[in-house]
Amino acid sequence: SFAHDRRVRVALGGETFEGVTRGLEPDGALRVETHDGQKRIVRAGDVTALREVLSAED
């Protein structure tokens, strides 16, 4: 599901950040954990799924 363990980029207002989706809030907002461990709740904004990049060893 898009709401769990997907790498995303979020653009909201003048701010953009990347993270991993961690499910939905009871009101339907998306939970996103950023690379520095910050948990963000996204109720509005543009969310884009990022492609997974495999290393040469994979």
N, C-alpha and C. Protein backbone atom coordinates (compact mmCIF):
# COMPACT_ATOMS: atom_id res chain seq x y z
N SER A 1 0.83 -1.19 0.00
CA SER A 1 0.00 0.00 0.00
C SER A 1 0.88 1.25 0.00
N PHE A 2 0.38 2.30 -0.62
CA PHE A 2 1.13 3.55 -0.70
C PHE A 2 1.38 4.14 0.69
N ALA A 3 0.50 3.85 1.64
CA ALA A 3 0.60 4.45 2.97
C ALA A 3 1.66 3.81 3.86
N HIS A 4 2.26 2.71 3.43
CA HIS A 4 3.23 2.01 4.28
C HIS A 4 4.54 1.77 3.55
N ASP A 5 5.63 2.25 4.15
CA ASP A 5 7.00 1.93 3.71
C ASP A 5 7.31 2.32 2.27
N ARG A 6 6.77 3.43 1.81
CA ARG A 6 7.11 3.95 0.48
C ARG A 6 7.93 5.22 0.64
N ARG A 7 9.00 5.31 -0.14
CA ARG A 7 9.79 6.55 -0.15
C ARG A 7 9.01 7.60 -0.92
N VAL A 8 8.88 8.79 -0.32
CA VAL A 8 8.10 9.86 -0.94
C VAL A 8 8.81 11.20 -0.80
N ARG A 9 8.41 12.12 -1.68
CA ARG A 9 8.79 13.53 -1.57
C ARG A 9 7.48 14.30 -1.36
N VAL A 10 7.49 15.17 -0.36
CA VAL A 10 6.30 15.95 -0.03
C VAL A 10 6.59 17.43 -0.28
N ALA A 11 5.72 18.08 -1.05
CA ALA A 11 5.82 19.52 -1.28
C ALA A 11 4.58 20.16 -0.66
N LEU A 12 4.83 21.03 0.32
CA LEU A 12 3.70 21.66 0.98
C LEU A 12 4.05 23.11 1.23
N GLY A 13 3.29 23.97 0.58
CA GLY A 13 3.62 25.39 0.63
C GLY A 13 4.99 25.61 -0.01
N GLY A 14 5.88 26.29 0.67
CA GLY A 14 7.24 26.52 0.17
C GLY A 14 8.24 25.50 0.67
N GLU A 15 7.78 24.46 1.32
CA GLU A 15 8.66 23.45 1.93
C GLU A 15 8.59 22.14 1.17
N THR A 16 9.75 21.50 1.00
CA THR A 16 9.80 20.17 0.41
C THR A 16 10.66 19.29 1.30
N PHE A 17 10.21 18.05 1.53
CA PHE A 17 11.02 17.11 2.31
C PHE A 17 10.77 15.70 1.80
N GLU A 18 11.70 14.80 2.12
CA GLU A 18 11.57 13.40 1.73
C GLU A 18 11.50 12.54 2.98
N GLY A 19 10.88 11.37 2.81
CA GLY A 19 10.78 10.45 3.92
C GLY A 19 10.13 9.15 3.49
N VAL A 20 9.70 8.38 4.48
CA VAL A 20 9.09 7.07 4.25
C VAL A 20 7.70 7.10 4.88
N THR A 21 6.70 6.63 4.14
CA THR A 21 5.33 6.62 4.67
C THR A 21 5.22 5.60 5.80
N ARG A 22 4.45 5.98 6.82
CA ARG A 22 4.29 5.13 8.01
C ARG A 22 2.83 4.93 8.38
N GLY A 23 1.94 4.98 7.40
CA GLY A 23 0.54 4.71 7.67
C GLY A 23 -0.31 5.97 7.63
N LEU A 24 -1.56 5.80 8.08
CA LEU A 24 -2.53 6.88 8.06
C LEU A 24 -3.01 7.21 9.46
N GLU A 25 -3.31 8.47 9.67
CA GLU A 25 -3.95 8.93 10.90
C GLU A 25 -5.44 8.58 10.82
N PRO A 26 -6.16 8.58 11.94
CA PRO A 26 -7.60 8.30 11.91
C PRO A 26 -8.39 9.22 10.96
N ASP A 27 -7.90 10.47 10.77
CA ASP A 27 -8.60 11.40 9.88
C ASP A 27 -8.18 11.26 8.41
N GLY A 28 -7.30 10.27 8.12
CA GLY A 28 -6.88 10.03 6.75
C GLY A 28 -5.58 10.71 6.36
N ALA A 29 -5.00 11.51 7.24
CA ALA A 29 -3.73 12.18 6.96
C ALA A 29 -2.61 11.14 6.88
N LEU A 30 -1.61 11.43 6.06
CA LEU A 30 -0.50 10.51 5.84
C LEU A 30 0.61 10.77 6.85
N ARG A 31 1.11 9.71 7.50
CA ARG A 31 2.26 9.83 8.40
C ARG A 31 3.53 9.59 7.59
N VAL A 32 4.49 10.50 7.70
CA VAL A 32 5.76 10.38 6.98
C VAL A 32 6.89 10.56 7.99
N GLU A 33 7.85 9.63 7.97
CA GLU A 33 9.04 9.74 8.81
C GLU A 33 10.18 10.22 7.93
N THR A 34 10.80 11.35 8.31
CA THR A 34 11.89 11.92 7.52
C THR A 34 13.18 11.16 7.81
N HIS A 35 14.21 11.45 7.01
CA HIS A 35 15.49 10.75 7.14
C HIS A 35 16.15 10.98 8.50
N ASP A 36 15.84 12.11 9.14
CA ASP A 36 16.42 12.39 10.46
C ASP A 36 15.55 11.89 11.61
N GLY A 37 14.51 11.09 11.28
CA GLY A 37 13.67 10.48 12.30
C GLY A 37 12.47 11.31 12.73
N GLN A 38 12.31 12.50 12.15
CA GLN A 38 11.16 13.35 12.49
C GLN A 38 9.89 12.76 11.90
N LYS A 39 8.84 12.73 12.68
CA LYS A 39 7.55 12.22 12.19
C LYS A 39 6.67 13.40 11.81
N ARG A 40 6.20 13.41 10.56
CA ARG A 40 5.39 14.51 10.03
C ARG A 40 4.01 13.97 9.64
N ILE A 41 2.99 14.76 9.87
CA ILE A 41 1.62 14.42 9.48
C ILE A 41 1.27 15.32 8.30
N VAL A 42 0.91 14.70 7.16
CA VAL A 42 0.61 15.44 5.94
C VAL A 42 -0.88 15.36 5.67
N ARG A 43 -1.54 16.50 5.82
CA ARG A 43 -2.99 16.56 5.56
C ARG A 43 -3.28 17.17 4.20
N ALA A 44 -2.36 17.96 3.68
CA ALA A 44 -2.52 18.59 2.37
C ALA A 44 -1.14 18.79 1.77
N GLY A 45 -1.05 18.76 0.46
CA GLY A 45 0.22 18.95 -0.23
C GLY A 45 0.35 17.94 -1.34
N ASP A 46 1.44 18.04 -2.09
CA ASP A 46 1.71 17.11 -3.18
C ASP A 46 2.67 16.04 -2.68
N VAL A 47 2.27 14.78 -2.80
CA VAL A 47 3.10 13.66 -2.38
C VAL A 47 3.45 12.85 -3.61
N THR A 48 4.76 12.66 -3.84
CA THR A 48 5.24 11.93 -5.00
C THR A 48 6.01 10.71 -4.54
N ALA A 49 5.68 9.53 -5.06
CA ALA A 49 6.43 8.31 -4.75
C ALA A 49 7.77 8.38 -5.45
N LEU A 50 8.83 8.01 -4.75
CA LEU A 50 10.17 7.98 -5.32
C LEU A 50 10.54 6.56 -5.69
N ARG A 51 11.23 6.42 -6.78
CA ARG A 51 11.66 5.09 -7.21
C ARG A 51 12.76 4.59 -6.30
N GLU A 52 12.73 3.29 -6.06
CA GLU A 52 13.81 2.66 -5.29
C GLU A 52 15.00 2.50 -6.21
N VAL A 53 16.19 2.83 -5.71
CA VAL A 53 17.41 2.70 -6.50
C VAL A 53 18.20 1.53 -5.93
N LEU A 54 18.50 0.57 -6.78
CA LEU A 54 19.27 -0.60 -6.34
C LEU A 54 20.74 -0.34 -6.56
N SER A 55 21.56 -0.79 -5.63
CA SER A 55 23.00 -0.64 -5.78
C SER A 55 23.52 -1.73 -6.72
N ALA A 56 24.76 -1.61 -7.13
CA ALA A 56 25.36 -2.57 -8.06
C ALA A 56 25.44 -3.97 -7.45
N GLU A 57 25.48 -4.05 -6.10
CA GLU A 57 25.57 -5.35 -5.44
C GLU A 57 24.25 -6.09 -5.42
N ASP A 58 23.11 -5.39 -5.64
CA ASP A 58 21.79 -6.03 -5.55
C ASP A 58 21.47 -6.86 -6.75
